[in-house]
C-alpha atoms as a PDB file:
ATOM      1  CA  MET A   1      49.653 119.386  63.202  1.00  0.00           C
ATOM      2  CA  ASP A   2      49.288 116.766  65.933  1.00  0.00           C
ATOM      3  CA  ALA A   3      52.409 117.330  68.053  1.00  0.00           C
ATOM      4  CA  HIS A   4      52.051 113.908  69.643  1.00  0.00           C
ATOM      5  CA  THR A   5      52.355 112.293  66.211  1.00  0.00           C
ATOM      6  CA  THR A   6      55.612 114.045  65.374  1.00  0.00           C
ATOM      7  CA  ASP A   7      57.334 113.825  68.775  1.00  0.00           C
ATOM      8  CA  TRP A   8      59.308 110.834  67.544  1.00  0.00           C
ATOM      9  CA  LEU A   9      60.577 112.877  64.571  1.00  0.00           C
ATOM     10  CA  ASP A  10      61.846 115.601  66.871  1.00  0.00           C
ATOM     11  CA  GLN A  11      63.676 112.989  68.950  1.00  0.00           C
ATOM     12  CA  TYR A  12      65.386 111.548  65.865  1.00  0.00           C
ATOM     13  CA  LYS A  13      66.313 115.009  64.577  1.00  0.00           C
ATOM     14  CA  LYS A  14      67.937 115.857  67.892  1.00  0.00           C
ATOM     15  CA  LEU A  15      69.779 112.537  67.962  1.00  0.00           C
ATOM     16  CA  ASP A  16      71.022 113.079  64.394  1.00  0.00           C
ATOM     17  CA  LYS A  17      72.386 116.508  65.284  1.00  0.00           C
ATOM     18  CA  ASP A  18      74.206 115.018  68.301  1.00  0.00           C
ATOM     19  CA  ILE A  19      75.827 112.273  66.226  1.00  0.00           C
ATOM     20  CA  ILE A  20      76.243 113.569  62.645  1.00  0.00           C
ATOM     21  CA  THR A  21      78.595 116.446  61.960  1.00  0.00           C
ATOM     22  CA  ASP A  22      78.497 116.483  58.154  1.00  0.00           C
ATOM     23  CA  LYS A  23      76.269 119.410  57.080  1.00  0.00           C
ATOM     24  CA  PHE A  24      75.309 117.779  53.781  1.00  0.00           C
ATOM     25  CA  LEU A  25      73.992 114.672  55.565  1.00  0.00           C
ATOM     26  CA  LEU A  26      72.162 116.775  58.157  1.00  0.00           C
ATOM     27  CA  ASN A  27      70.521 118.903  55.456  1.00  0.00           C
ATOM     28  CA  THR A  28      69.482 115.778  53.546  1.00  0.00           C
ATOM     29  CA  LEU A  29      67.975 114.261  56.703  1.00  0.00           C
ATOM     30  CA  ASP A  30      66.214 117.532  57.569  1.00  0.00           C
ATOM     31  CA  GLU A  31      64.626 117.555  54.107  1.00  0.00           C
ATOM     32  CA  ARG A  32      63.439 113.974  54.635  1.00  0.00           C
ATOM     33  CA  TYR A  33      62.000 114.812  58.067  1.00  0.00           C
ATOM     34  CA  ASP A  34      60.208 117.847  56.603  1.00  0.00           C
ATOM     35  CA  LYS A  35      58.708 115.632  53.897  1.00  0.00           C
ATOM     36  CA  VAL A  36      57.456 113.155  56.507  1.00  0.00           C
ATOM     37  CA  ILE A  37      55.889 116.018  58.502  1.00  0.00           C
ATOM     38  CA  ASP A  38      54.209 117.282  55.308  1.00  0.00           C
ATOM     39  CA  TYR A  39      52.761 113.811  54.740  1.00  0.00           C
ATOM     40  CA  ILE A  40      51.533 113.632  58.346  1.00  0.00           C
ATOM     41  CA  ASP A  41      49.865 117.017  57.843  1.00  0.00           C
ATOM     42  CA  ASP A  42      48.295 115.898  54.547  1.00  0.00           C
ATOM     43  CA  PRO A  43      47.897 112.101  54.481  1.00  0.00           C
ATOM     44  CA  LYS A  44      45.790 112.252  51.300  1.00  0.00           C
ATOM     45  CA  SER A  45      48.739 113.557  49.280  1.00  0.00           C
ATOM     46  CA  PHE A  46      51.008 110.913  50.791  1.00  0.00           C
ATOM     47  CA  THR A  47      48.553 108.127  49.978  1.00  0.00           C
ATOM     48  CA  LYS A  48      48.252 109.406  46.403  1.00  0.00           C
ATOM     49  CA  ALA A  49      52.044 109.494  46.126  1.00  0.00           C
ATOM     50  CA  MET A  50      52.254 105.913  47.401  1.00  0.00           C
ATOM     51  CA  LEU A  51      49.300 104.337  45.601  1.00  0.00           C
ATOM     52  CA  GLY A  52      48.458 106.684  42.746  1.00  0.00           C
ATOM     53  CA  GLU A  53      45.352 108.785  42.225  1.00  0.00           C
ATOM     54  CA  ASN A  54      43.001 105.817  42.068  1.00  0.00           C
ATOM     55  CA  ASN A  55      42.864 103.683  45.204  1.00  0.00           C
ATOM     56  CA  GLU A  56      40.863 100.991  43.432  1.00  0.00           C
ATOM     57  CA  ILE A  57      42.728  97.729  42.968  1.00  0.00           C
ATOM     58  CA  GLN A  58      43.740  96.864  39.416  1.00  0.00           C
ATOM     59  CA  TYR A  59      41.857  94.029  37.740  1.00  0.00           C
ATOM     60  CA  SER A  60      42.638  91.596  34.981  1.00  0.00           C
ATOM     61  CA  LYS A  61      39.761  89.507  33.579  1.00  0.00           C
ATOM     62  CA  ASN A  62      37.715  90.306  36.714  1.00  0.00           C
ATOM     63  CA  ILE A  63      40.339  88.718  38.970  1.00  0.00           C
ATOM     64  CA  SER A  64      42.072  90.971  41.481  1.00  0.00           C
ATOM     65  CA  ILE A  65      45.846  90.985  41.263  1.00  0.00           C
ATOM     66  CA  LYS A  66      47.841  91.220  44.481  1.00  0.00           C
ATOM     67  CA  THR A  67      51.234  90.811  42.874  1.00  0.00           C
ATOM     68  CA  ASN A  68      52.744  94.084  43.991  1.00  0.00           C
ATOM     69  CA  GLY A  69      52.803  96.307  47.052  1.00  0.00           C
ATOM     70  CA  LYS A  70      50.404  98.919  45.669  1.00  0.00           C
ATOM     71  CA  ASN A  71      47.714  96.386  44.850  1.00  0.00           C
ATOM     72  CA  THR A  72      48.159  94.686  48.214  1.00  0.00           C
ATOM     73  CA  LEU A  73      47.564  97.982  50.047  1.00  0.00           C
ATOM     74  CA  LYS A  74      44.737  99.011  47.715  1.00  0.00           C
ATOM     75  CA  SER A  75      43.043  95.680  48.355  1.00  0.00           C
ATOM     76  CA  ILE A  76      43.321  96.094  52.136  1.00  0.00           C
ATOM     77  CA  ILE A  77      41.961  99.657  51.934  1.00  0.00           C
ATOM     78  CA  ASN A  78      39.046  98.629  49.697  1.00  0.00           C
ATOM     79  CA  GLU A  79      38.128  95.672  51.913  1.00  0.00           C
ATOM     80  CA  ASN A  80      38.061  97.865  55.036  1.00  0.00           C
ATOM     81  CA  LYS A  81      36.329 101.065  53.900  1.00  0.00           C
ATOM     82  CA  GLY A  82      35.043 103.112  56.826  1.00  0.00           C
ATOM     83  CA  LYS A  83      37.420 101.456  59.305  1.00  0.00           C
ATOM     84  CA  VAL A  84      40.766 102.323  60.829  1.00  0.00           C
ATOM     85  CA  VAL A  85      43.323  99.730  59.719  1.00  0.00           C
ATOM     86  CA  PHE A  86      46.492  98.693  61.529  1.00  0.00           C
ATOM     87  CA  ILE A  87      48.913  96.704  59.376  1.00  0.00           C
ATOM     88  CA  ASP A  88      51.649  94.593  60.953  1.00  0.00           C
ATOM     89  CA  ILE A  89      54.297  93.506  58.429  1.00  0.00           C
ATOM     90  CA  TRP A  90      56.191  90.529  59.842  1.00  0.00           C
ATOM     91  CA  ALA A  91      58.198  87.404  59.045  1.00  0.00           C
ATOM     92  CA  VAL A  92      58.136  83.930  60.594  1.00  0.00           C
ATOM     93  CA  TRP A  93      61.904  83.845  61.240  1.00  0.00           C
ATOM     94  CA  CYS A  94      61.917  87.269  62.983  1.00  0.00           C
ATOM     95  CA  SER A  95      61.690  86.844  66.776  1.00  0.00           C
ATOM     96  CA  PRO A  96      60.828  90.553  67.420  1.00  0.00           C
ATOM     97  CA  CYS A  97      57.998  90.144  64.881  1.00  0.00           C
ATOM     98  CA  VAL A  98      56.612  87.062  66.600  1.00  0.00           C
ATOM     99  CA  SER A  99      56.890  88.802  69.970  1.00  0.00           C
ATOM    100  CA  SER A 100      54.987  91.867  68.683  1.00  0.00           C
ATOM    101  CA  LEU A 101      52.140  89.621  67.482  1.00  0.00           C
ATOM    102  CA  SER A 102      51.179  88.785  71.074  1.00  0.00           C
ATOM    103  CA  TYR A 103      50.796  92.517  71.839  1.00  0.00           C
ATOM    104  CA  ALA A 104      48.881  93.042  68.599  1.00  0.00           C
ATOM    105  CA  ASN A 105      46.565  90.175  69.522  1.00  0.00           C
ATOM    106  CA  GLN A 106      45.739  91.941  72.805  1.00  0.00           C
ATOM    107  CA  LEU A 107      44.679  94.969  70.735  1.00  0.00           C
ATOM    108  CA  VAL A 108      42.612  92.754  68.404  1.00  0.00           C
ATOM    109  CA  ASN A 109      40.655  91.569  71.452  1.00  0.00           C
ATOM    110  CA  GLN A 110      40.486  95.050  73.035  1.00  0.00           C
ATOM    111  CA  TYR A 111      39.043  96.656  69.885  1.00  0.00           C
ATOM    112  CA  LYS A 112      36.677  93.826  68.947  1.00  0.00           C
ATOM    113  CA  GLY A 113      33.384  95.274  67.677  1.00  0.00           C
ATOM    114  CA  LYS A 114      34.878  98.719  66.999  1.00  0.00           C
ATOM    115  CA  ASP A 115      35.650 100.371  63.655  1.00  0.00           C
ATOM    116  CA  VAL A 116      39.200  99.013  63.429  1.00  0.00           C
ATOM    117  CA  GLU A 117      40.716  96.081  61.557  1.00  0.00           C
ATOM    118  CA  PHE A 118      44.047  94.389  62.162  1.00  0.00           C
ATOM    119  CA  GLU A 119      45.849  93.108  59.069  1.00  0.00           C
ATOM    120  CA  PHE A 120      48.956  90.947  59.385  1.00  0.00           C
ATOM    121  CA  ILE A 121      51.091  90.764  56.251  1.00  0.00           C
ATOM    122  CA  ASN A 122      53.693  88.011  56.237  1.00  0.00           C
ATOM    123  CA  VAL A 123      56.782  88.669  54.121  1.00  0.00           C
ATOM    124  CA  LEU A 124      59.946  86.803  53.130  1.00  0.00           C
ATOM    125  CA  SER A 125      58.837  83.521  54.676  1.00  0.00           C
ATOM    126  CA  LYS A 126      58.013  80.038  53.456  1.00  0.00           C
ATOM    127  CA  LYS A 127      54.267  79.550  53.134  1.00  0.00           C
ATOM    128  CA  GLU A 128      54.246  76.263  55.053  1.00  0.00           C
ATOM    129  CA  GLU A 129      56.149  77.835  57.965  1.00  0.00           C
ATOM    130  CA  TRP A 130      53.758  80.807  57.950  1.00  0.00           C
ATOM    131  CA  MET A 131      50.707  78.514  58.139  1.00  0.00           C
ATOM    132  CA  LYS A 132      52.304  76.492  60.943  1.00  0.00           C
ATOM    133  CA  LYS A 133      53.149  79.680  62.902  1.00  0.00           C
ATOM    134  CA  LEU A 134      49.582  81.003  62.504  1.00  0.00           C
ATOM    135  CA  GLU A 135      48.209  77.762  63.906  1.00  0.00           C
ATOM    136  CA  GLU A 136      50.645  77.999  66.813  1.00  0.00           C
ATOM    137  CA  LEU A 137      50.045  81.687  67.643  1.00  0.00           C
ATOM    138  CA  LYS A 138      46.277  81.824  67.025  1.00  0.00           C
ATOM    139  CA  THR A 139      46.470  85.572  66.410  1.00  0.00           C
ATOM    140  CA  GLY A 140      43.154  87.215  65.541  1.00  0.00           C
ATOM    141  CA  GLY A 141      42.688  89.683  62.729  1.00  0.00           C
ATOM    142  CA  ASN A 142      43.187  89.098  59.003  1.00  0.00           C
ATOM    143  CA  HIS A 143      46.283  87.384  57.651  1.00  0.00           C
ATOM    144  CA  LEU A 144      47.907  87.710  54.245  1.00  0.00           C
ATOM    145  CA  TYR A 145      50.928  85.848  52.910  1.00  0.00           C
ATOM    146  CA  LEU A 146      53.094  87.552  50.255  1.00  0.00           C
ATOM    147  CA  ASP A 147      55.513  85.883  47.888  1.00  0.00           C
ATOM    148  CA  ALA A 148      59.139  87.118  47.816  1.00  0.00           C
ATOM    149  CA  ALA A 149      58.676  89.607  44.940  1.00  0.00           C
ATOM    150  CA  THR A 150      55.600  91.210  46.521  1.00  0.00           C
ATOM    151  CA  SER A 151      57.304  91.191  49.924  1.00  0.00           C
ATOM    152  CA  TRP A 152      60.246  93.223  48.638  1.00  0.00           C
ATOM    153  CA  ASP A 153      57.909  95.504  46.696  1.00  0.00           C
ATOM    154  CA  ILE A 154      55.792  96.476  49.706  1.00  0.00           C
ATOM    155  CA  MET A 155      58.891  96.977  51.862  1.00  0.00           C
ATOM    156  CA  LYS A 156      60.450  99.168  49.167  1.00  0.00           C
ATOM    157  CA  MET A 157      57.305 101.317  49.161  1.00  0.00           C
ATOM    158  CA  PHE A 158      57.970 102.197  52.801  1.00  0.00           C
ATOM    159  CA  ASN A 159      61.724 102.413  52.268  1.00  0.00           C
ATOM    160  CA  THR A 160      62.501  99.668  54.779  1.00  0.00           C
ATOM    161  CA  GLU A 161      64.477  96.439  54.624  1.00  0.00           C
ATOM    162  CA  GLY A 162      63.577  95.347  58.131  1.00  0.00           C
ATOM    163  CA  VAL A 163      60.654  93.822  59.961  1.00  0.00           C
ATOM    164  CA  PRO A 164      58.538  94.193  61.981  1.00  0.00           C
ATOM    165  CA  TYR A 165      57.071  97.280  60.369  1.00  0.00           C
ATOM    166  CA  PHE A 166      53.745  98.955  61.049  1.00  0.00           C
ATOM    167  CA  VAL A 167      51.263 101.042  59.038  1.00  0.00           C
ATOM    168  CA  LEU A 168      48.139 102.922  60.157  1.00  0.00           C
ATOM    169  CA  ILE A 169      45.316 103.824  57.751  1.00  0.00           C
ATOM    170  CA  ASP A 170      42.374 106.076  58.606  1.00  0.00           C
ATOM    171  CA  LYS A 171      38.679 105.480  57.802  1.00  0.00           C
ATOM    172  CA  GLU A 172      39.021 107.359  54.514  1.00  0.00           C
ATOM    173  CA  GLY A 173      41.769 105.020  53.316  1.00  0.00           C
ATOM    174  CA  ASN A 174      44.653 107.433  53.907  1.00  0.00           C
ATOM    175  CA  ILE A 175      48.011 106.180  55.164  1.00  0.00           C
ATOM    176  CA  VAL A 176      48.328 108.411  58.239  1.00  0.00           C
ATOM    177  CA  ASP A 177      51.417 106.946  59.923  1.00  0.00           C
ATOM    178  CA  TYR A 178      53.989 104.207  59.501  1.00  0.00           C
ATOM    179  CA  GLY A 179      57.180 102.948  61.110  1.00  0.00           C
ATOM    180  CA  LEU A 180      58.569 101.123  64.116  1.00  0.00           C
ATOM    181  CA  HIS A 181      57.227 103.733  66.566  1.00  0.00           C
ATOM    182  CA  LEU A 182      53.744 102.203  66.045  1.00  0.00           C
ATOM    183  CA  HIS A 183      54.750  99.012  67.872  1.00  0.00           C
ATOM    184  CA  PRO A 184      51.620  97.447  69.426  1.00  0.00           C
ATOM    185  CA  LYS A 185      53.318  97.285  72.823  1.00  0.00           C
ATOM    186  CA  GLY A 186      53.427 101.075  73.165  1.00  0.00           C
ATOM    187  CA  ASP A 187      50.773 103.618  74.090  1.00  0.00           C
ATOM    188  CA  LEU A 188      51.225 105.688  70.906  1.00  0.00           C
ATOM    189  CA  LEU A 189      49.478 103.160  68.680  1.00  0.00           C
ATOM    190  CA  LYS A 190      46.459 102.910  70.991  1.00  0.00           C
ATOM    191  CA  SER A 191      46.148 106.696  71.187  1.00  0.00           C
ATOM    192  CA  GLN A 192      46.379 106.959  67.392  1.00  0.00           C
ATOM    193  CA  ILE A 193      43.775 104.232  66.850  1.00  0.00           C
ATOM    194  CA  ASP A 194      41.421 105.913  69.331  1.00  0.00           C
ATOM    195  CA  LYS A 195      41.927 109.277  67.665  1.00  0.00           C
ATOM    196  CA  PHE A 196      41.113 107.969  64.182  1.00  0.00           C
ATOM    197  CA  ILE A 197      38.167 105.855  65.369  1.00  0.00           C
ATOM    198  CA  ALA A 198      36.642 109.031  66.867  1.00  0.00           C
ATOM    199  CA  LYS A 199      36.950 110.990  63.590  1.00  0.00           C
END
């Protein structure tokens, strides 16, 4: 296990034990943390649990369907085979999201020409406002707009109701890490990207 990857889990576990006194809640949280560590140890099983056995996108009359979270992720994985993928899930109205895009854009420029792709998924926003914000920010990478139903579906997959939210996928198409700790401002994301590029 990569200790650096799970340091943030240990910090949360310690914080939980300092704050929560109910043993049932602590046991439930410990089980959840253990599951996350298992997924970090074996990202293939986690990806299968999230997306199903087949990572190929579903088709209907030879037209790809991106109407749910699974198909959105499958599409991104299939379009970026052999590359590390960083996904930034954001919304136009979210100021922390917009702020994180400037840091992500620095990484887009830093990793230009390397085996990494930056995908920005916009959720819970009006399409016109999203297009206007893209023009204003001029963020590199690939951009995808999701309707409300697909937005909620992809957020439910990662058990989050908040944005920004970040996902990292390795060259084999496995979801290897996800969560707020992958903020593009921090050093952890860069070290993770470098590690998976080198594999």
